[in-house]
Amino acid sequence: MALEDVVEIIDIKALALRGASLGLSEIDAERKALLSAFPSLRPAAGTQEGPPRRSGTPGQPALATTRRRPKMTAAQKKAVGARMKKYWAERKAKEAKKR
């Protein structure tokens, strides 16, 4: 019996589907065990499961996020620009030495 004949006999897609099904059932069992151990993880009635979405729900805009750091002043921006200019000049010189 040739290898091609054996491959035809074995339905790889069916085996993959069975393996995926078993994997999902194991994940579902683990999820149920975790929810029974930690009831606070259960979503409230009438809400979606999972963590809250950063973007808005479909049809609704996302809530505005707050900026975590204050805006830079013009002097701070200028200082950053000078540092970066120096950094890139040094890097370019270092790269030129390698060649």
N, C-alpha and C. Protein backbone atom coordinates (compact mmCIF):
# COMPACT_ATOMS: atom_id res chain seq x y z
N MET A 1 0.86 -1.18 0.00
CA MET A 1 0.00 0.00 0.00
C MET A 1 0.90 1.24 0.00
N ALA A 2 0.70 2.14 -0.93
CA ALA A 2 1.52 3.33 -1.08
C ALA A 2 1.09 4.40 -0.08
N LEU A 3 1.97 5.32 0.15
CA LEU A 3 1.70 6.41 1.09
C LEU A 3 0.49 7.23 0.66
N GLU A 4 0.33 7.43 -0.64
CA GLU A 4 -0.81 8.21 -1.13
C GLU A 4 -2.13 7.52 -0.79
N ASP A 5 -2.14 6.18 -0.85
CA ASP A 5 -3.34 5.43 -0.52
C ASP A 5 -3.70 5.58 0.95
N VAL A 6 -2.68 5.59 1.81
CA VAL A 6 -2.91 5.74 3.25
C VAL A 6 -3.46 7.13 3.54
N VAL A 7 -2.90 8.14 2.88
CA VAL A 7 -3.36 9.51 3.10
C VAL A 7 -4.81 9.66 2.67
N GLU A 8 -5.19 8.99 1.59
CA GLU A 8 -6.57 9.07 1.13
C GLU A 8 -7.51 8.42 2.14
N ILE A 9 -7.08 7.35 2.77
CA ILE A 9 -7.92 6.65 3.74
C ILE A 9 -8.12 7.51 4.99
N ILE A 10 -7.06 8.16 5.44
CA ILE A 10 -7.14 8.98 6.65
C ILE A 10 -7.71 10.33 6.26
N ASP A 11 -8.80 10.70 6.88
CA ASP A 11 -9.42 12.00 6.62
C ASP A 11 -8.80 13.02 7.57
N ILE A 12 -7.78 13.73 7.06
CA ILE A 12 -7.02 14.66 7.90
C ILE A 12 -7.90 15.79 8.40
N LYS A 13 -8.79 16.27 7.56
CA LYS A 13 -9.66 17.37 7.98
C LYS A 13 -10.56 16.95 9.14
N ALA A 14 -11.09 15.72 9.07
CA ALA A 14 -11.94 15.23 10.14
C ALA A 14 -11.14 15.08 11.43
N LEU A 15 -9.89 14.61 11.31
CA LEU A 15 -9.05 14.48 12.50
C LEU A 15 -8.74 15.85 13.11
N ALA A 16 -8.46 16.83 12.26
CA ALA A 16 -8.19 18.18 12.75
C ALA A 16 -9.41 18.76 13.43
N LEU A 17 -10.57 18.54 12.86
CA LEU A 17 -11.81 19.02 13.45
C LEU A 17 -12.06 18.37 14.80
N ARG A 18 -11.80 17.09 14.89
CA ARG A 18 -11.98 16.37 16.17
C ARG A 18 -11.01 16.89 17.22
N GLY A 19 -9.76 17.12 16.83
CA GLY A 19 -8.77 17.65 17.76
C GLY A 19 -9.14 19.04 18.23
N ALA A 20 -9.61 19.88 17.31
CA ALA A 20 -10.02 21.23 17.68
C ALA A 20 -11.22 21.19 18.62
N SER A 21 -12.14 20.29 18.35
CA SER A 21 -13.33 20.16 19.20
C SER A 21 -12.95 19.73 20.62
N LEU A 22 -12.02 18.77 20.71
CA LEU A 22 -11.56 18.33 22.03
C LEU A 22 -10.83 19.47 22.75
N GLY A 23 -10.02 20.21 22.01
CA GLY A 23 -9.30 21.33 22.62
C GLY A 23 -10.26 22.38 23.15
N LEU A 24 -11.31 22.69 22.38
CA LEU A 24 -12.30 23.67 22.82
C LEU A 24 -13.06 23.18 24.05
N SER A 25 -13.36 21.90 24.09
CA SER A 25 -14.08 21.38 25.25
C SER A 25 -13.20 21.45 26.50
N GLU A 26 -11.88 21.23 26.34
CA GLU A 26 -10.97 21.35 27.47
C GLU A 26 -10.89 22.80 27.95
N ILE A 27 -10.84 23.73 27.00
CA ILE A 27 -10.79 25.14 27.35
C ILE A 27 -12.07 25.55 28.06
N ASP A 28 -13.22 25.06 27.56
CA ASP A 28 -14.50 25.39 28.18
C ASP A 28 -14.57 24.84 29.61
N ALA A 29 -14.06 23.63 29.82
CA ALA A 29 -14.06 23.05 31.16
C ALA A 29 -13.17 23.86 32.09
N GLU A 30 -12.02 24.30 31.59
CA GLU A 30 -11.12 25.12 32.41
C GLU A 30 -11.76 26.46 32.74
N ARG A 31 -12.46 27.05 31.77
CA ARG A 31 -13.15 28.32 32.00
C ARG A 31 -14.20 28.18 33.10
N LYS A 32 -14.97 27.09 33.02
CA LYS A 32 -16.01 26.85 34.03
C LYS A 32 -15.39 26.68 35.42
N ALA A 33 -14.26 25.97 35.48
CA ALA A 33 -13.59 25.78 36.76
C ALA A 33 -13.08 27.11 37.33
N LEU A 34 -12.52 27.95 36.45
CA LEU A 34 -12.04 29.26 36.90
C LEU A 34 -13.18 30.15 37.38
N LEU A 35 -14.30 30.13 36.66
CA LEU A 35 -15.43 30.95 37.06
C LEU A 35 -16.05 30.47 38.37
N SER A 36 -15.99 29.17 38.62
CA SER A 36 -16.52 28.68 39.89
C SER A 36 -15.55 29.02 41.03
N ALA A 37 -14.25 29.06 40.74
CA ALA A 37 -13.27 29.41 41.76
C ALA A 37 -13.24 30.91 42.02
N PHE A 38 -13.50 31.71 40.97
CA PHE A 38 -13.46 33.16 41.09
C PHE A 38 -14.77 33.74 40.54
N PRO A 39 -15.83 33.74 41.34
CA PRO A 39 -17.13 34.23 40.87
C PRO A 39 -17.11 35.70 40.45
N SER A 40 -16.18 36.46 40.97
CA SER A 40 -16.13 37.88 40.62
C SER A 40 -15.76 38.09 39.15
N LEU A 41 -15.25 37.06 38.50
CA LEU A 41 -14.90 37.17 37.08
C LEU A 41 -16.11 37.07 36.17
N ARG A 42 -17.23 36.62 36.73
CA ARG A 42 -18.43 36.47 35.92
C ARG A 42 -18.92 37.85 35.49
N PRO A 43 -19.33 37.97 34.23
CA PRO A 43 -19.88 39.26 33.79
C PRO A 43 -21.24 39.50 34.42
N ALA A 44 -21.57 40.74 34.65
CA ALA A 44 -22.88 41.08 35.21
C ALA A 44 -23.96 40.74 34.19
N ALA A 45 -25.16 40.52 34.67
CA ALA A 45 -26.26 40.16 33.77
C ALA A 45 -26.50 41.28 32.77
N GLY A 46 -26.66 40.92 31.52
CA GLY A 46 -26.96 41.90 30.49
C GLY A 46 -25.74 42.60 29.92
N THR A 47 -24.54 42.18 30.31
CA THR A 47 -23.34 42.81 29.76
C THR A 47 -22.61 41.80 28.90
N GLN A 48 -21.68 42.32 28.11
CA GLN A 48 -20.89 41.45 27.27
C GLN A 48 -19.81 40.78 28.10
N GLU A 49 -19.41 39.60 27.65
CA GLU A 49 -18.30 38.93 28.32
C GLU A 49 -16.99 39.55 27.87
N GLY A 50 -15.97 39.38 28.67
CA GLY A 50 -14.64 39.84 28.29
C GLY A 50 -14.32 41.20 28.87
N PRO A 51 -13.09 41.63 28.68
CA PRO A 51 -12.67 42.91 29.21
C PRO A 51 -13.34 44.06 28.48
N PRO A 52 -13.41 45.22 29.11
CA PRO A 52 -14.05 46.35 28.44
C PRO A 52 -13.27 46.75 27.20
N ARG A 53 -13.98 47.19 26.20
CA ARG A 53 -13.34 47.58 24.95
C ARG A 53 -12.81 49.00 25.07
N ARG A 54 -11.65 49.24 24.46
CA ARG A 54 -11.08 50.58 24.46
C ARG A 54 -11.85 51.48 23.50
N SER A 55 -12.24 50.94 22.37
CA SER A 55 -13.02 51.73 21.44
C SER A 55 -14.48 51.59 21.82
N GLY A 56 -15.31 52.46 21.32
CA GLY A 56 -16.72 52.41 21.67
C GLY A 56 -17.39 51.17 21.12
N THR A 57 -18.55 50.90 21.61
CA THR A 57 -19.31 49.77 21.07
C THR A 57 -19.75 50.13 19.67
N PRO A 58 -20.10 49.16 18.86
CA PRO A 58 -20.50 49.47 17.48
C PRO A 58 -21.63 50.49 17.48
N GLY A 59 -21.44 51.54 16.72
CA GLY A 59 -22.46 52.58 16.63
C GLY A 59 -22.28 53.69 17.62
N GLN A 60 -21.38 53.52 18.58
CA GLN A 60 -21.14 54.56 19.58
C GLN A 60 -19.66 54.91 19.55
N PRO A 61 -19.35 56.20 19.70
CA PRO A 61 -17.94 56.60 19.69
C PRO A 61 -17.24 56.16 20.97
N ALA A 62 -15.93 56.05 20.88
CA ALA A 62 -15.13 55.68 22.05
C ALA A 62 -15.11 56.85 23.02
N LEU A 63 -14.97 56.53 24.29
CA LEU A 63 -14.84 57.57 25.30
C LEU A 63 -13.49 58.24 25.14
N ALA A 64 -13.45 59.51 25.41
CA ALA A 64 -12.19 60.24 25.30
C ALA A 64 -11.23 59.75 26.37
N THR A 65 -10.01 59.48 25.97
CA THR A 65 -9.02 59.04 26.94
C THR A 65 -8.28 60.25 27.47
N THR A 66 -7.87 60.17 28.70
CA THR A 66 -7.15 61.29 29.29
C THR A 66 -5.68 61.15 28.98
N ARG A 67 -5.03 62.26 28.77
CA ARG A 67 -3.61 62.26 28.48
C ARG A 67 -2.87 62.01 29.79
N ARG A 68 -1.87 61.18 29.78
CA ARG A 68 -1.21 60.76 31.01
C ARG A 68 -0.08 61.68 31.43
N ARG A 69 0.45 62.48 30.53
CA ARG A 69 1.52 63.38 30.93
C ARG A 69 1.23 64.77 30.38
N PRO A 70 1.71 65.75 31.05
CA PRO A 70 1.43 67.11 30.59
C PRO A 70 2.12 67.41 29.28
N LYS A 71 1.59 68.37 28.56
CA LYS A 71 2.18 68.74 27.28
C LYS A 71 3.53 69.39 27.51
N MET A 72 4.42 69.23 26.56
CA MET A 72 5.75 69.82 26.67
C MET A 72 5.70 71.29 26.31
N THR A 73 6.48 72.06 27.00
CA THR A 73 6.60 73.47 26.67
C THR A 73 7.49 73.61 25.43
N ALA A 74 7.50 74.79 24.87
CA ALA A 74 8.33 75.04 23.69
C ALA A 74 9.80 74.82 24.02
N ALA A 75 10.23 75.23 25.21
CA ALA A 75 11.63 75.05 25.61
C ALA A 75 11.98 73.57 25.73
N GLN A 76 11.06 72.78 26.27
CA GLN A 76 11.29 71.34 26.40
C GLN A 76 11.38 70.69 25.03
N LYS A 77 10.51 71.10 24.12
CA LYS A 77 10.55 70.56 22.77
C LYS A 77 11.87 70.90 22.08
N LYS A 78 12.32 72.12 22.28
CA LYS A 78 13.57 72.55 21.68
C LYS A 78 14.74 71.75 22.24
N ALA A 79 14.72 71.48 23.56
CA ALA A 79 15.77 70.70 24.19
C ALA A 79 15.78 69.26 23.66
N VAL A 80 14.61 68.68 23.50
CA VAL A 80 14.52 67.33 22.95
C VAL A 80 15.06 67.32 21.53
N GLY A 81 14.69 68.32 20.75
CA GLY A 81 15.17 68.41 19.38
C GLY A 81 16.70 68.48 19.32
N ALA A 82 17.30 69.28 20.22
CA ALA A 82 18.76 69.40 20.25
C ALA A 82 19.41 68.07 20.63
N ARG A 83 18.84 67.39 21.62
CA ARG A 83 19.38 66.08 22.03
C ARG A 83 19.30 65.08 20.89
N MET A 84 18.18 65.05 20.19
CA MET A 84 18.02 64.10 19.10
C MET A 84 18.95 64.43 17.94
N LYS A 85 19.14 65.71 17.67
CA LYS A 85 20.05 66.11 16.61
C LYS A 85 21.46 65.63 16.93
N LYS A 86 21.86 65.79 18.18
CA LYS A 86 23.18 65.33 18.62
C LYS A 86 23.28 63.80 18.51
N TYR A 87 22.23 63.12 18.96
CA TYR A 87 22.19 61.66 18.93
C TYR A 87 22.37 61.15 17.50
N TRP A 88 21.60 61.71 16.56
CA TRP A 88 21.67 61.24 15.18
C TRP A 88 22.99 61.60 14.53
N ALA A 89 23.57 62.74 14.89
CA ALA A 89 24.88 63.11 14.34
C ALA A 89 25.94 62.11 14.81
N GLU A 90 25.90 61.75 16.11
CA GLU A 90 26.85 60.77 16.64
C GLU A 90 26.65 59.41 15.98
N ARG A 91 25.43 59.04 15.80
CA ARG A 91 25.14 57.74 15.19
C ARG A 91 25.60 57.71 13.74
N LYS A 92 25.38 58.81 13.02
CA LYS A 92 25.80 58.87 11.64
C LYS A 92 27.33 58.82 11.53
N ALA A 93 28.01 59.51 12.45
CA ALA A 93 29.48 59.50 12.46
C ALA A 93 30.00 58.10 12.78
N LYS A 94 29.37 57.44 13.72
CA LYS A 94 29.77 56.08 14.10
C LYS A 94 29.58 55.12 12.93
N GLU A 95 28.49 55.28 12.20
CA GLU A 95 28.22 54.43 11.04
C GLU A 95 29.23 54.70 9.94
N ALA A 96 29.64 55.95 9.78
CA ALA A 96 30.62 56.31 8.75
C ALA A 96 31.98 55.70 9.08
N LYS A 97 32.32 55.60 10.35
CA LYS A 97 33.60 55.00 10.76
C LYS A 97 33.65 53.52 10.44
N LYS A 98 32.51 52.85 10.53
CA LYS A 98 32.44 51.41 10.24
C LYS A 98 32.76 51.11 8.79
N ARG A 99 32.41 52.01 7.92
CA ARG A 99 32.59 51.79 6.47
C ARG A 99 33.98 52.06 6.13
